Protein backbone atom coordinates (compact mmCIF):
# COMPACT_ATOMS: atom_id res chain seq x y z
CA MET A 1 -13.08 -99.07 -0.40
CA ASN A 2 -15.50 -99.14 2.12
CA ILE A 3 -14.38 -96.73 4.81
CA ASP A 4 -17.14 -95.50 7.56
CA PHE A 5 -16.72 -91.87 8.60
CA SER A 6 -19.12 -92.14 11.33
CA ASN A 7 -18.81 -89.71 14.17
CA LYS A 8 -15.84 -87.97 11.91
CA VAL A 9 -16.19 -84.22 11.17
CA TYR A 10 -14.54 -82.57 8.11
CA LEU A 11 -14.10 -78.87 6.58
CA VAL A 12 -14.51 -78.72 3.00
CA THR A 13 -13.54 -75.76 1.44
CA GLY A 14 -14.87 -75.29 -2.26
CA GLY A 15 -17.24 -77.95 -1.28
CA ALA A 16 -20.23 -76.57 -3.00
CA SER A 17 -19.50 -78.05 -6.62
CA GLY A 18 -16.72 -80.06 -8.70
CA ILE A 19 -13.98 -81.86 -6.79
CA GLY A 20 -15.05 -80.12 -3.05
CA ALA A 21 -18.90 -81.34 -3.63
CA ALA A 22 -17.63 -85.12 -4.64
CA VAL A 23 -15.84 -85.14 -1.43
CA VAL A 24 -18.95 -84.00 0.65
CA HIS A 25 -21.02 -86.40 -0.99
CA TYR A 26 -18.53 -89.24 -0.28
CA LEU A 27 -17.83 -88.43 3.27
CA ALA A 28 -21.68 -88.10 3.74
CA GLN A 29 -22.65 -91.15 1.93
CA HIS A 30 -20.03 -92.85 4.27
CA HIS A 31 -21.73 -91.27 7.54
CA GLY A 32 -19.41 -88.50 7.81
CA ARG A 33 -20.15 -84.85 8.68
CA ALA A 34 -18.87 -81.67 7.42
CA VAL A 35 -19.09 -78.10 7.22
CA ILE A 36 -19.20 -76.60 3.62
CA ALA A 37 -16.97 -73.48 3.24
CA ASP A 38 -17.98 -71.80 -0.17
CA ILE A 39 -19.57 -68.58 -2.00
CA ASN A 40 -21.85 -70.73 -3.95
CA ASP A 41 -24.90 -70.32 -1.53
CA GLU A 42 -27.64 -72.06 -4.05
CA ALA A 43 -25.25 -74.97 -4.57
CA GLY A 44 -24.22 -75.46 -0.95
CA ALA A 45 -27.93 -75.03 0.31
CA ALA A 46 -28.93 -77.85 -2.07
CA LEU A 47 -26.06 -80.35 -0.82
CA VAL A 48 -27.26 -79.51 2.83
CA ALA A 49 -30.91 -80.48 1.85
CA GLN A 50 -29.88 -83.92 0.62
CA TYR A 51 -27.95 -84.79 3.87
CA PRO A 52 -29.43 -82.16 6.75
CA TRP A 53 -28.22 -83.99 9.71
CA GLN A 54 -24.86 -84.52 8.41
CA LEU A 55 -23.74 -81.23 6.71
CA ARG A 56 -23.79 -77.40 7.24
CA TYR A 57 -22.98 -74.55 4.72
CA LEU A 58 -21.35 -71.42 5.74
CA ARG A 59 -20.56 -68.85 2.79
CA THR A 60 -16.85 -68.30 3.20
CA ASP A 61 -14.32 -66.40 1.20
CA VAL A 62 -11.27 -68.43 1.59
CA THR A 63 -9.05 -65.09 1.11
CA GLU A 64 -10.23 -63.80 4.51
CA PHE A 65 -8.67 -66.00 7.39
CA ALA A 66 -11.22 -64.81 9.96
CA GLN A 67 -13.99 -66.57 7.61
CA LEU A 68 -12.18 -69.72 7.73
CA GLU A 69 -11.78 -69.85 11.50
CA ALA A 70 -15.93 -69.06 11.45
CA ALA A 71 -16.33 -72.29 9.40
CA CYS A 72 -13.95 -74.12 11.63
CA ALA A 73 -15.76 -73.11 14.65
CA LEU A 74 -19.06 -73.92 13.07
CA ALA A 75 -17.88 -77.48 12.71
CA GLU A 76 -17.05 -77.34 16.57
CA LYS A 77 -20.16 -75.77 17.70
CA THR A 78 -22.47 -78.19 15.50
CA PHE A 79 -20.42 -81.42 15.29
CA GLY A 80 -18.23 -81.40 18.54
CA GLY A 81 -14.88 -80.89 16.71
CA LEU A 82 -12.97 -81.50 13.66
CA ASP A 83 -11.15 -84.38 12.32
CA GLY A 84 -9.90 -83.07 8.94
CA ALA A 85 -9.92 -80.46 6.20
CA VAL A 86 -10.03 -80.93 2.65
CA ASN A 87 -9.15 -77.63 1.05
CA SER A 88 -10.40 -77.87 -2.76
CA ALA A 89 -11.52 -73.97 -3.17
CA GLY A 90 -9.66 -72.79 -6.31
CA ILE A 91 -10.21 -71.03 -9.71
CA GLY A 92 -8.57 -71.35 -13.08
CA SER A 93 -7.40 -68.71 -15.03
CA LEU A 94 -5.45 -68.26 -18.63
CA GLY A 95 -2.88 -65.73 -19.06
CA THR A 96 0.74 -65.87 -19.99
CA VAL A 97 3.69 -63.75 -17.79
CA ALA A 98 3.44 -61.15 -20.91
CA ASP A 99 -0.21 -60.17 -20.88
CA MET A 100 -1.88 -61.53 -17.72
CA PRO A 101 -3.23 -58.36 -15.79
CA VAL A 102 -1.55 -58.12 -12.67
CA ALA A 103 -4.95 -57.82 -10.48
CA GLU A 104 -5.78 -61.50 -11.87
CA TRP A 105 -2.37 -62.73 -10.95
CA HIS A 106 -3.19 -61.95 -7.51
CA LYS A 107 -6.73 -62.91 -7.50
CA VAL A 108 -5.61 -66.91 -8.34
CA ILE A 109 -2.62 -66.53 -5.89
CA ASP A 110 -4.98 -65.43 -3.10
CA ILE A 111 -7.86 -67.92 -3.60
CA ASP A 112 -5.64 -71.16 -4.82
CA LEU A 113 -2.68 -70.48 -2.42
CA HIS A 114 -3.58 -68.01 0.20
CA GLY A 115 -6.82 -69.76 0.39
CA VAL A 116 -5.04 -73.22 1.57
CA PHE A 117 -2.56 -71.54 4.10
CA HIS A 118 -5.79 -69.75 5.66
CA ALA A 119 -7.87 -73.17 5.85
CA CYS A 120 -4.76 -75.00 7.21
CA ARG A 121 -4.02 -72.06 10.10
CA ALA A 122 -7.75 -72.14 11.18
CA ALA A 123 -7.91 -76.18 11.04
CA ILE A 124 -5.11 -77.14 13.04
CA PRO A 125 -5.93 -75.99 16.42
CA LEU A 126 -9.08 -77.57 16.29
CA LEU A 127 -7.36 -81.01 15.00
CA ARG A 128 -4.86 -80.86 17.96
CA LYS A 129 -7.87 -80.69 20.32
CA ARG A 130 -9.17 -83.74 18.69
CA GLY A 131 -5.86 -85.64 19.20
CA GLY A 132 -4.89 -85.52 15.79
CA GLY A 133 -6.53 -85.80 12.04
CA SER A 134 -5.78 -85.24 8.46
CA ILE A 135 -5.40 -82.32 6.07
CA VAL A 136 -5.79 -82.75 2.26
CA ASN A 137 -4.86 -80.20 -0.13
CA ILE A 138 -5.88 -80.00 -3.60
CA SER A 139 -3.16 -79.35 -5.58
CA SER A 140 -2.72 -80.09 -9.50
CA VAL A 141 -0.46 -81.60 -11.98
CA ALA A 142 -0.20 -78.13 -13.30
CA GLY A 143 2.00 -77.46 -9.83
CA ILE A 144 4.49 -80.02 -11.19
CA ARG A 145 4.62 -78.78 -15.02
CA GLY A 146 4.83 -75.79 -16.66
CA ILE A 147 1.86 -75.11 -19.09
CA PRO A 148 2.07 -72.16 -21.39
CA GLY A 149 -0.77 -69.73 -20.84
CA MET A 150 -1.51 -70.97 -17.17
CA VAL A 151 1.48 -69.06 -15.24
CA ALA A 152 -0.65 -67.85 -12.33
CA TYR A 153 -2.55 -71.36 -11.95
CA CYS A 154 0.69 -73.31 -12.41
CA ALA A 155 2.62 -71.27 -9.79
CA SER A 156 -0.46 -71.36 -6.94
CA LYS A 157 -0.44 -74.97 -7.45
CA ALA A 158 3.28 -75.78 -7.07
CA GLY A 159 2.89 -73.46 -3.79
CA VAL A 160 0.15 -75.66 -2.62
CA ILE A 161 2.85 -78.73 -2.87
CA GLY A 162 5.30 -76.72 -1.34
CA ALA A 163 3.23 -75.39 1.68
CA THR A 164 1.91 -78.84 2.18
CA ARG A 165 5.23 -80.38 2.46
CA SER A 166 6.59 -77.67 5.18
CA ALA A 167 3.25 -78.19 6.90
CA ALA A 168 3.40 -81.93 7.34
CA MET A 169 7.05 -81.59 8.45
CA GLU A 170 5.94 -78.98 11.19
CA CYS A 171 3.20 -81.40 12.40
CA ALA A 172 5.41 -84.33 12.46
CA GLN A 173 7.87 -82.58 14.41
CA LEU A 174 5.45 -81.73 16.98
CA ARG A 175 4.39 -85.12 17.12
CA ASN A 176 0.60 -83.81 17.23
CA ASN A 177 -0.60 -86.81 14.88
CA ILE A 178 -1.74 -84.41 12.34
CA ARG A 179 -0.92 -85.40 8.70
CA VAL A 180 -0.94 -83.09 5.55
CA ASN A 181 -0.84 -84.42 2.03
CA ALA A 182 -1.57 -83.17 -1.47
CA VAL A 183 -3.54 -84.67 -4.31
CA LEU A 184 -2.77 -83.61 -7.87
CA PRO A 185 -5.68 -84.29 -10.19
CA GLY A 186 -4.90 -84.26 -13.94
CA ALA A 187 -7.80 -83.71 -16.52
CA ILE A 188 -11.11 -84.01 -14.17
CA GLU A 189 -14.09 -82.96 -15.53
CA THR A 190 -15.72 -80.23 -13.31
CA PRO A 191 -17.63 -77.07 -14.30
CA ILE A 192 -14.21 -75.14 -14.15
CA TRP A 193 -13.64 -76.37 -17.54
CA ALA A 194 -16.71 -74.27 -18.81
CA LYS A 195 -15.18 -71.03 -17.10
CA LEU A 196 -11.58 -71.27 -18.74
CA GLY A 197 -11.98 -69.17 -21.80
CA ASN A 198 -15.19 -67.50 -20.72
CA ASP A 199 -13.45 -64.61 -18.58
CA GLY A 200 -13.89 -66.84 -15.23
CA SER A 201 -17.63 -67.05 -15.44
CA LEU A 202 -19.95 -70.17 -16.40
CA PRO A 203 -21.48 -69.72 -19.88
CA THR A 204 -25.09 -68.35 -19.34
CA SER A 205 -26.98 -70.71 -21.63
CA ARG A 206 -26.99 -74.40 -21.42
CA SER A 207 -25.74 -74.74 -25.35
CA ALA A 208 -22.72 -72.68 -24.44
CA TYR A 209 -22.05 -74.43 -21.31
CA GLU A 210 -22.27 -78.15 -22.94
CA SER A 211 -20.17 -76.72 -26.11
CA ALA A 212 -17.53 -75.41 -23.69
CA MET A 213 -17.35 -78.75 -21.99
CA ALA A 214 -17.48 -80.94 -24.94
CA SER A 215 -14.38 -78.93 -26.44
CA GLN A 216 -12.52 -79.27 -23.06
CA ARG A 217 -13.22 -83.00 -22.96
CA ASP A 218 -11.88 -83.66 -26.27
CA GLY A 219 -8.76 -81.98 -25.51
CA ALA A 220 -8.70 -83.97 -22.15
CA ARG A 221 -9.08 -87.20 -23.65
CA SER A 222 -6.11 -86.47 -26.50
CA ALA A 223 -3.81 -85.49 -23.39
CA THR A 224 -4.89 -88.38 -21.14
CA PRO A 225 -2.94 -91.69 -21.95
CA ILE A 226 -6.26 -93.98 -21.00
CA GLY A 227 -7.98 -92.16 -23.10
CA VAL A 228 -10.57 -90.52 -20.72
CA PRO A 229 -10.68 -87.59 -18.48
CA GLY A 230 -11.25 -88.32 -14.76
CA SER A 231 -14.30 -87.34 -12.76
CA ALA A 232 -14.63 -85.67 -9.66
CA LEU A 233 -15.36 -89.29 -7.69
CA ASP A 234 -11.73 -90.16 -8.97
CA ILE A 235 -10.26 -87.47 -6.92
CA ALA A 236 -12.86 -87.75 -4.12
CA SER A 237 -12.00 -91.46 -3.43
CA MET A 238 -8.41 -90.68 -3.00
CA VAL A 239 -9.07 -88.04 -0.84
CA ALA A 240 -11.30 -90.15 1.35
CA PHE A 241 -8.54 -92.60 1.88
CA LEU A 242 -5.98 -89.73 2.87
CA VAL A 243 -8.25 -88.70 5.50
CA SER A 244 -8.89 -92.04 6.81
CA SER A 245 -7.10 -93.80 9.39
CA GLU A 246 -6.22 -96.15 6.58
CA ALA A 247 -3.51 -93.76 5.61
CA ARG A 248 -2.24 -93.30 9.22
CA PHE A 249 1.52 -93.49 7.99
CA ILE A 250 1.17 -91.19 4.97
CA THR A 251 2.19 -87.39 5.30
CA GLY A 252 4.04 -84.94 3.25
CA SER A 253 3.30 -86.66 -0.08
CA GLU A 254 1.69 -85.59 -3.15
CA PHE A 255 -0.68 -88.26 -5.00
CA ILE A 256 -0.97 -87.47 -9.01
CA VAL A 257 -4.55 -88.68 -10.19
CA ASP A 258 -4.13 -88.12 -13.82
CA GLY A 259 -4.79 -91.07 -16.03
CA GLY A 260 -0.66 -91.18 -16.77
CA ALA A 261 -0.39 -87.86 -18.10
CA SER A 262 2.85 -87.01 -16.08
CA ALA A 263 4.24 -90.46 -16.44
CA SER A 264 3.99 -90.12 -20.15
CA ALA A 265 5.42 -86.51 -19.97
């Protein structure tokens, strides 16, 4: 796929690392422009340094609607408008219904679900001004499967699917040329793997980080029918298609990218 994103502008939440960063790289390498909305200042600045004419970074807490409005306003002020939004900000969390602290439940829902709502709500007015556009929300196969010990994550990602469908139908009814879809990754190798089982934080030492990643990688291989975990680029490629004009007839849909895991369940 060789899509040219020249003169196109995107908001990417969680765009400083993992899947979000892969999306930013893909867009920039294909001549697109983007505002990275994240709380990882160092990684965000490093990305902008690679594509100084195409990217901007704004520290953004997706649980605060006003901060998403500010990120969209930056896209309009700097690049002239907004053509799409990719909402990939999210956290993972381990915990059962019986033992997960209530505060942790709210934290996951606030970031993974409320953050998507805030970003969509902030982006849609600018997309209307542009004559239409595309929103892609990053959900997960966890949103369509019950996974023991991941109750908050599964709930939040299922919510993203429901919100995506509803927003897509609202936009379709309004005939505003805004498409809304969801991508459901399976086992994708990103830094979030190292955070699981480490209280949501990255291990401080390189050896601990590599050990955590290796353990998760082994589990992903055994759980994925094709025998290898996915990469962030695998997701970015799907996202790039969905935000492009090539996908003009696709809205309200979910796209599973999981190496066959859902098919074998």
